[in-house]
Amino acid sequence: MTQFHVEFEIEDDGRWIADITELPGVMAYGASQEEAKAAAEALALRVLADSIEQSKKAVAAVSFV
């Protein structure tokens, strides 16, 4: 299983940022921590799907922590 770590920060204006450090550029904002995490996970899955399509190699499982 491939595990991705989600790091969080909160902006001065109250928005949350979720960053998946193992996938460069996968960062998303949200009004809450949960919203930011969901947006970052959705983006990460799109990035991973594109990578799988290009490499033609399957991934067993993915987890976000």
PDB file of N, CA and C in Angstrom:
ATOM      1  N   MET A   1       0.843  -1.177   0.000  1.00  0.00           N
ATOM      2  CA  MET A   1       0.000   0.000   0.000  1.00  0.00           C
ATOM      3  C   MET A   1       0.892   1.245   0.000  1.00  0.00           C
ATOM      4  N   THR A   2       0.546   2.176  -0.835  1.00  0.00           N
ATOM      5  CA  THR A   2       1.254   3.445  -0.876  1.00  0.00           C
ATOM      6  C   THR A   2       0.535   4.421   0.042  1.00  0.00           C
ATOM      7  N   GLN A   3       1.277   5.031   0.964  1.00  0.00           N
ATOM      8  CA  GLN A   3       0.700   5.957   1.921  1.00  0.00           C
ATOM      9  C   GLN A   3       1.201   7.367   1.632  1.00  0.00           C
ATOM     10  N   PHE A   4       0.290   8.314   1.581  1.00  0.00           N
ATOM     11  CA  PHE A   4       0.623   9.711   1.355  1.00  0.00           C
ATOM     12  C   PHE A   4       0.267  10.507   2.602  1.00  0.00           C
ATOM     13  N   HIS A   5       1.147  11.407   2.990  1.00  0.00           N
ATOM     14  CA  HIS A   5       0.930  12.219   4.185  1.00  0.00           C
ATOM     15  C   HIS A   5       0.375  13.578   3.792  1.00  0.00           C
ATOM     16  N   VAL A   6      -0.638  14.009   4.518  1.00  0.00           N
ATOM     17  CA  VAL A   6      -1.261  15.298   4.286  1.00  0.00           C
ATOM     18  C   VAL A   6      -0.831  16.244   5.405  1.00  0.00           C
ATOM     19  N   GLU A   7      -0.244  17.365   5.008  1.00  0.00           N
ATOM     20  CA  GLU A   7       0.163  18.381   5.975  1.00  0.00           C
ATOM     21  C   GLU A   7      -0.781  19.563   5.849  1.00  0.00           C
ATOM     22  N   PHE A   8      -1.054  20.211   6.974  1.00  0.00           N
ATOM     23  CA  PHE A   8      -2.016  21.311   6.998  1.00  0.00           C
ATOM     24  C   PHE A   8      -1.386  22.594   7.513  1.00  0.00           C
ATOM     25  N   GLU A   9      -1.890  23.698   6.981  1.00  0.00           N
ATOM     26  CA  GLU A   9      -1.571  25.024   7.483  1.00  0.00           C
ATOM     27  C   GLU A   9      -2.858  25.831   7.433  1.00  0.00           C
ATOM     28  N   ILE A  10      -2.923  26.854   8.255  1.00  0.00           N
ATOM     29  CA  ILE A  10      -4.073  27.748   8.198  1.00  0.00           C
ATOM     30  C   ILE A  10      -3.565  29.143   7.841  1.00  0.00           C
ATOM     31  N   GLU A  11      -4.235  29.769   6.890  1.00  0.00           N
ATOM     32  CA  GLU A  11      -3.875  31.101   6.430  1.00  0.00           C
ATOM     33  C   GLU A  11      -4.382  32.156   7.413  1.00  0.00           C
ATOM     34  N   ASP A  12      -3.870  33.367   7.290  1.00  0.00           N
ATOM     35  CA  ASP A  12      -4.317  34.467   8.139  1.00  0.00           C
ATOM     36  C   ASP A  12      -5.807  34.753   7.970  1.00  0.00           C
ATOM     37  N   ASP A  13      -6.332  34.474   6.773  1.00  0.00           N
ATOM     38  CA  ASP A  13      -7.749  34.738   6.509  1.00  0.00           C
ATOM     39  C   ASP A  13      -8.658  33.583   6.932  1.00  0.00           C
ATOM     40  N   GLY A  14      -8.087  32.532   7.527  1.00  0.00           N
ATOM     41  CA  GLY A  14      -8.873  31.420   8.041  1.00  0.00           C
ATOM     42  C   GLY A  14      -8.994  30.228   7.118  1.00  0.00           C
ATOM     43  N   ARG A  15      -8.525  30.369   5.879  1.00  0.00           N
ATOM     44  CA  ARG A  15      -8.575  29.227   4.953  1.00  0.00           C
ATOM     45  C   ARG A  15      -7.532  28.187   5.352  1.00  0.00           C
ATOM     46  N   TRP A  16      -7.861  26.932   5.111  1.00  0.00           N
ATOM     47  CA  TRP A  16      -6.938  25.828   5.368  1.00  0.00           C
ATOM     48  C   TRP A  16      -6.256  25.435   4.063  1.00  0.00           C
ATOM     49  N   ILE A  17      -5.001  25.015   4.175  1.00  0.00           N
ATOM     50  CA  ILE A  17      -4.243  24.479   3.043  1.00  0.00           C
ATOM     51  C   ILE A  17      -3.870  23.050   3.395  1.00  0.00           C
ATOM     52  N   ALA A  18      -4.146  22.131   2.487  1.00  0.00           N
ATOM     53  CA  ALA A  18      -3.718  20.738   2.637  1.00  0.00           C
ATOM     54  C   ALA A  18      -2.688  20.469   1.550  1.00  0.00           C
ATOM     55  N   ASP A  19      -1.550  19.932   1.938  1.00  0.00           N
ATOM     56  CA  ASP A  19      -0.440  19.679   1.026  1.00  0.00           C
ATOM     57  C   ASP A  19      -0.034  18.214   1.140  1.00  0.00           C
ATOM     58  N   ILE A  20      -0.005  17.510   0.011  1.00  0.00           N
ATOM     59  CA  ILE A  20       0.460  16.119   0.002  1.00  0.00           C
ATOM     60  C   ILE A  20       1.898  16.153  -0.490  1.00  0.00           C
ATOM     61  N   THR A  21       2.814  16.056   0.452  1.00  0.00           N
ATOM     62  CA  THR A  21       4.220  16.335   0.197  1.00  0.00           C
ATOM     63  C   THR A  21       4.876  15.379  -0.792  1.00  0.00           C
ATOM     64  N   GLU A  22       4.404  14.149  -0.869  1.00  0.00           N
ATOM     65  CA  GLU A  22       5.030  13.177  -1.774  1.00  0.00           C
ATOM     66  C   GLU A  22       4.653  13.397  -3.240  1.00  0.00           C
ATOM     67  N   LEU A  23       3.668  14.247  -3.477  1.00  0.00           N
ATOM     68  CA  LEU A  23       3.225  14.542  -4.847  1.00  0.00           C
ATOM     69  C   LEU A  23       3.385  16.042  -5.089  1.00  0.00           C
ATOM     70  N   PRO A  24       4.487  16.446  -5.712  1.00  0.00           N
ATOM     71  CA  PRO A  24       4.735  17.872  -5.932  1.00  0.00           C
ATOM     72  C   PRO A  24       3.560  18.563  -6.624  1.00  0.00           C
ATOM     73  N   GLY A  25       3.194  19.706  -6.096  1.00  0.00           N
ATOM     74  CA  GLY A  25       2.115  20.488  -6.676  1.00  0.00           C
ATOM     75  C   GLY A  25       0.730  20.115  -6.203  1.00  0.00           C
ATOM     76  N   VAL A  26       0.612  19.069  -5.391  1.00  0.00           N
ATOM     77  CA  VAL A  26      -0.713  18.664  -4.902  1.00  0.00           C
ATOM     78  C   VAL A  26      -0.981  19.396  -3.588  1.00  0.00           C
ATOM     79  N   MET A  27      -1.690  20.509  -3.744  1.00  0.00           N
ATOM     80  CA  MET A  27      -2.023  21.371  -2.626  1.00  0.00           C
ATOM     81  C   MET A  27      -3.408  21.948  -2.913  1.00  0.00           C
ATOM     82  N   ALA A  28      -4.228  22.051  -1.879  1.00  0.00           N
ATOM     83  CA  ALA A  28      -5.579  22.569  -2.080  1.00  0.00           C
ATOM     84  C   ALA A  28      -6.027  23.364  -0.866  1.00  0.00           C
ATOM     85  N   TYR A  29      -6.900  24.329  -1.124  1.00  0.00           N
ATOM     86  CA  TYR A  29      -7.486  25.165  -0.079  1.00  0.00           C
ATOM     87  C   TYR A  29      -8.884  24.682   0.268  1.00  0.00           C
ATOM     88  N   GLY A  30      -9.312  25.018   1.479  1.00  0.00           N
ATOM     89  CA  GLY A  30     -10.677  24.739   1.888  1.00  0.00           C
ATOM     90  C   GLY A  30     -11.079  25.637   3.038  1.00  0.00           C
ATOM     91  N   ALA A  31     -12.384  25.779   3.240  1.00  0.00           N
ATOM     92  CA  ALA A  31     -12.896  26.588   4.344  1.00  0.00           C
ATOM     93  C   ALA A  31     -12.645  25.907   5.687  1.00  0.00           C
ATOM     94  N   SER A  32     -12.513  24.585   5.663  1.00  0.00           N
ATOM     95  CA  SER A  32     -12.213  23.816   6.871  1.00  0.00           C
ATOM     96  C   SER A  32     -11.064  22.853   6.555  1.00  0.00           C
ATOM     97  N   GLN A  33     -10.502  22.268   7.593  1.00  0.00           N
ATOM     98  CA  GLN A  33      -9.422  21.295   7.401  1.00  0.00           C
ATOM     99  C   GLN A  33      -9.928  20.100   6.598  1.00  0.00           C
ATOM    100  N   GLU A  34     -11.122  19.649   6.890  1.00  0.00           N
ATOM    101  CA  GLU A  34     -11.691  18.493   6.197  1.00  0.00           C
ATOM    102  C   GLU A  34     -11.931  18.794   4.716  1.00  0.00           C
ATOM    103  N   GLU A  35     -12.409  20.018   4.428  1.00  0.00           N
ATOM    104  CA  GLU A  35     -12.659  20.413   3.042  1.00  0.00           C
ATOM    105  C   GLU A  35     -11.351  20.496   2.258  1.00  0.00           C
ATOM    106  N   ALA A  36     -10.332  21.048   2.873  1.00  0.00           N
ATOM    107  CA  ALA A  36      -9.023  21.146   2.218  1.00  0.00           C
ATOM    108  C   ALA A  36      -8.449  19.750   1.968  1.00  0.00           C
ATOM    109  N   LYS A  37      -8.595  18.861   2.940  1.00  0.00           N
ATOM    110  CA  LYS A  37      -8.088  17.494   2.781  1.00  0.00           C
ATOM    111  C   LYS A  37      -8.806  16.778   1.646  1.00  0.00           C
ATOM    112  N   ALA A  38     -10.117  16.902   1.586  1.00  0.00           N
ATOM    113  CA  ALA A  38     -10.887  16.248   0.526  1.00  0.00           C
ATOM    114  C   ALA A  38     -10.469  16.764  -0.848  1.00  0.00           C
ATOM    115  N   ALA A  39     -10.268  18.075  -0.962  1.00  0.00           N
ATOM    116  CA  ALA A  39      -9.858  18.659  -2.239  1.00  0.00           C
ATOM    117  C   ALA A  39      -8.458  18.186  -2.635  1.00  0.00           C
ATOM    118  N   ALA A  40      -7.541  18.110  -1.672  1.00  0.00           N
ATOM    119  CA  ALA A  40      -6.184  17.644  -1.958  1.00  0.00           C
ATOM    120  C   ALA A  40      -6.178  16.164  -2.346  1.00  0.00           C
ATOM    121  N   GLU A  41      -6.979  15.352  -1.668  1.00  0.00           N
ATOM    122  CA  GLU A  41      -7.068  13.930  -2.008  1.00  0.00           C
ATOM    123  C   GLU A  41      -7.633  13.741  -3.417  1.00  0.00           C
ATOM    124  N   ALA A  42      -8.644  14.517  -3.782  1.00  0.00           N
ATOM    125  CA  ALA A  42      -9.219  14.417  -5.125  1.00  0.00           C
ATOM    126  C   ALA A  42      -8.184  14.780  -6.177  1.00  0.00           C
ATOM    127  N   LEU A  43      -7.426  15.844  -5.931  1.00  0.00           N
ATOM    128  CA  LEU A  43      -6.377  16.246  -6.862  1.00  0.00           C
ATOM    129  C   LEU A  43      -5.296  15.167  -6.944  1.00  0.00           C
ATOM    130  N   ALA A  44      -4.911  14.614  -5.796  1.00  0.00           N
ATOM    131  CA  ALA A  44      -3.893  13.564  -5.773  1.00  0.00           C
ATOM    132  C   ALA A  44      -4.342  12.348  -6.577  1.00  0.00           C
ATOM    133  N   LEU A  45      -5.593  11.969  -6.454  1.00  0.00           N
ATOM    134  CA  LEU A  45      -6.095  10.816  -7.205  1.00  0.00           C
ATOM    135  C   LEU A  45      -6.079  11.077  -8.704  1.00  0.00           C
ATOM    136  N   ARG A  46      -6.367  12.316  -9.124  1.00  0.00           N
ATOM    137  CA  ARG A  46      -6.279  12.654 -10.551  1.00  0.00           C
ATOM    138  C   ARG A  46      -4.835  12.580 -11.037  1.00  0.00           C
ATOM    139  N   VAL A  47      -3.900  13.079 -10.233  1.00  0.00           N
ATOM    140  CA  VAL A  47      -2.478  13.025 -10.586  1.00  0.00           C
ATOM    141  C   VAL A  47      -2.019  11.572 -10.677  1.00  0.00           C
ATOM    142  N   LEU A  48      -2.416  10.752  -9.707  1.00  0.00           N
ATOM    143  CA  LEU A  48      -2.036   9.335  -9.715  1.00  0.00           C
ATOM    144  C   LEU A  48      -2.654   8.597 -10.899  1.00  0.00           C
ATOM    145  N   ALA A  49      -3.907   8.886 -11.215  1.00  0.00           N
ATOM    146  CA  ALA A  49      -4.566   8.237 -12.353  1.00  0.00           C
ATOM    147  C   ALA A  49      -3.835   8.559 -13.648  1.00  0.00           C
ATOM    148  N   ASP A  50      -3.439   9.814 -13.817  1.00  0.00           N
ATOM    149  CA  ASP A  50      -2.690  10.212 -15.007  1.00  0.00           C
ATOM    150  C   ASP A  50      -1.352   9.480 -15.070  1.00  0.00           C
ATOM    151  N   SER A  51      -0.684   9.376 -13.942  1.00  0.00           N
ATOM    152  CA  SER A  51       0.602   8.676 -13.885  1.00  0.00           C
ATOM    153  C   SER A  51       0.449   7.193 -14.224  1.00  0.00           C
ATOM    154  N   ILE A  52      -0.604   6.578 -13.708  1.00  0.00           N
ATOM    155  CA  ILE A  52      -0.863   5.162 -13.993  1.00  0.00           C
ATOM    156  C   ILE A  52      -1.142   4.966 -15.476  1.00  0.00           C
ATOM    157  N   GLU A  53      -1.949   5.853 -16.062  1.00  0.00           N
ATOM    158  CA  GLU A  53      -2.260   5.766 -17.491  1.00  0.00           C
ATOM    159  C   GLU A  53      -1.001   5.857 -18.343  1.00  0.00           C
ATOM    160  N   GLN A  54      -0.107   6.763 -17.973  1.00  0.00           N
ATOM    161  CA  GLN A  54       1.107   6.965 -18.756  1.00  0.00           C
ATOM    162  C   GLN A  54       2.096   5.816 -18.595  1.00  0.00           C
ATOM    163  N   SER A  55       2.221   5.290 -17.389  1.00  0.00           N
ATOM    164  CA  SER A  55       3.210   4.239 -17.147  1.00  0.00           C
ATOM    165  C   SER A  55       2.679   2.838 -17.418  1.00  0.00           C
ATOM    166  N   LYS A  56       1.342   2.699 -17.460  1.00  0.00           N
ATOM    167  CA  LYS A  56       0.702   1.391 -17.673  1.00  0.00           C
ATOM    168  C   LYS A  56       0.994   0.422 -16.542  1.00  0.00           C
ATOM    169  N   LYS A  57       1.289   0.955 -15.326  1.00  0.00           N
ATOM    170  CA  LYS A  57       1.563   0.125 -14.164  1.00  0.00           C
ATOM    171  C   LYS A  57       0.487   0.371 -13.114  1.00  0.00           C
ATOM    172  N   ALA A  58      -0.084  -0.701 -12.607  1.00  0.00           N
ATOM    173  CA  ALA A  58      -1.146  -0.619 -11.621  1.00  0.00           C
ATOM    174  C   ALA A  58      -0.582  -0.302 -10.244  1.00  0.00           C
ATOM    175  N   VAL A  59      -1.419   0.278  -9.408  1.00  0.00           N
ATOM    176  CA  VAL A  59      -1.093   0.556  -8.008  1.00  0.00           C
ATOM    177  C   VAL A  59      -1.990  -0.336  -7.169  1.00  0.00           C
ATOM    178  N   ALA A  60      -1.417  -0.995  -6.164  1.00  0.00           N
ATOM    179  CA  ALA A  60      -2.186  -1.928  -5.344  1.00  0.00           C
ATOM    180  C   ALA A  60      -3.240  -1.200  -4.496  1.00  0.00           C
ATOM    181  N   ALA A  61      -2.833  -0.186  -3.748  1.00  0.00           N
ATOM    182  CA  ALA A  61      -3.755   0.548  -2.890  1.00  0.00           C
ATOM    183  C   ALA A  61      -3.123   1.874  -2.528  1.00  0.00           C
ATOM    184  N   VAL A  62      -3.976   2.839  -2.183  1.00  0.00           N
ATOM    185  CA  VAL A  62      -3.529   4.177  -1.811  1.00  0.00           C
ATOM    186  C   VAL A  62      -4.216   4.559  -0.515  1.00  0.00           C
ATOM    187  N   SER A  63      -3.470   5.199   0.363  1.00  0.00           N
ATOM    188  CA  SER A  63      -4.008   5.664   1.638  1.00  0.00           C
ATOM    189  C   SER A  63      -3.500   7.074   1.915  1.00  0.00           C
ATOM    190  N   PHE A  64      -4.371   7.919   2.483  1.00  0.00           N
ATOM    191  CA  PHE A  64      -3.979   9.267   2.861  1.00  0.00           C
ATOM    192  C   PHE A  64      -4.053   9.379   4.371  1.00  0.00           C
ATOM    193  N   VAL A  65      -2.962   9.831   4.988  1.00  0.00           N
ATOM    194  CA  VAL A  65      -2.932   9.989   6.449  1.00  0.00           C
ATOM    195  C   VAL A  65      -2.463  11.378   6.829  1.00  0.00           C
TER     196      VAL A  65
END
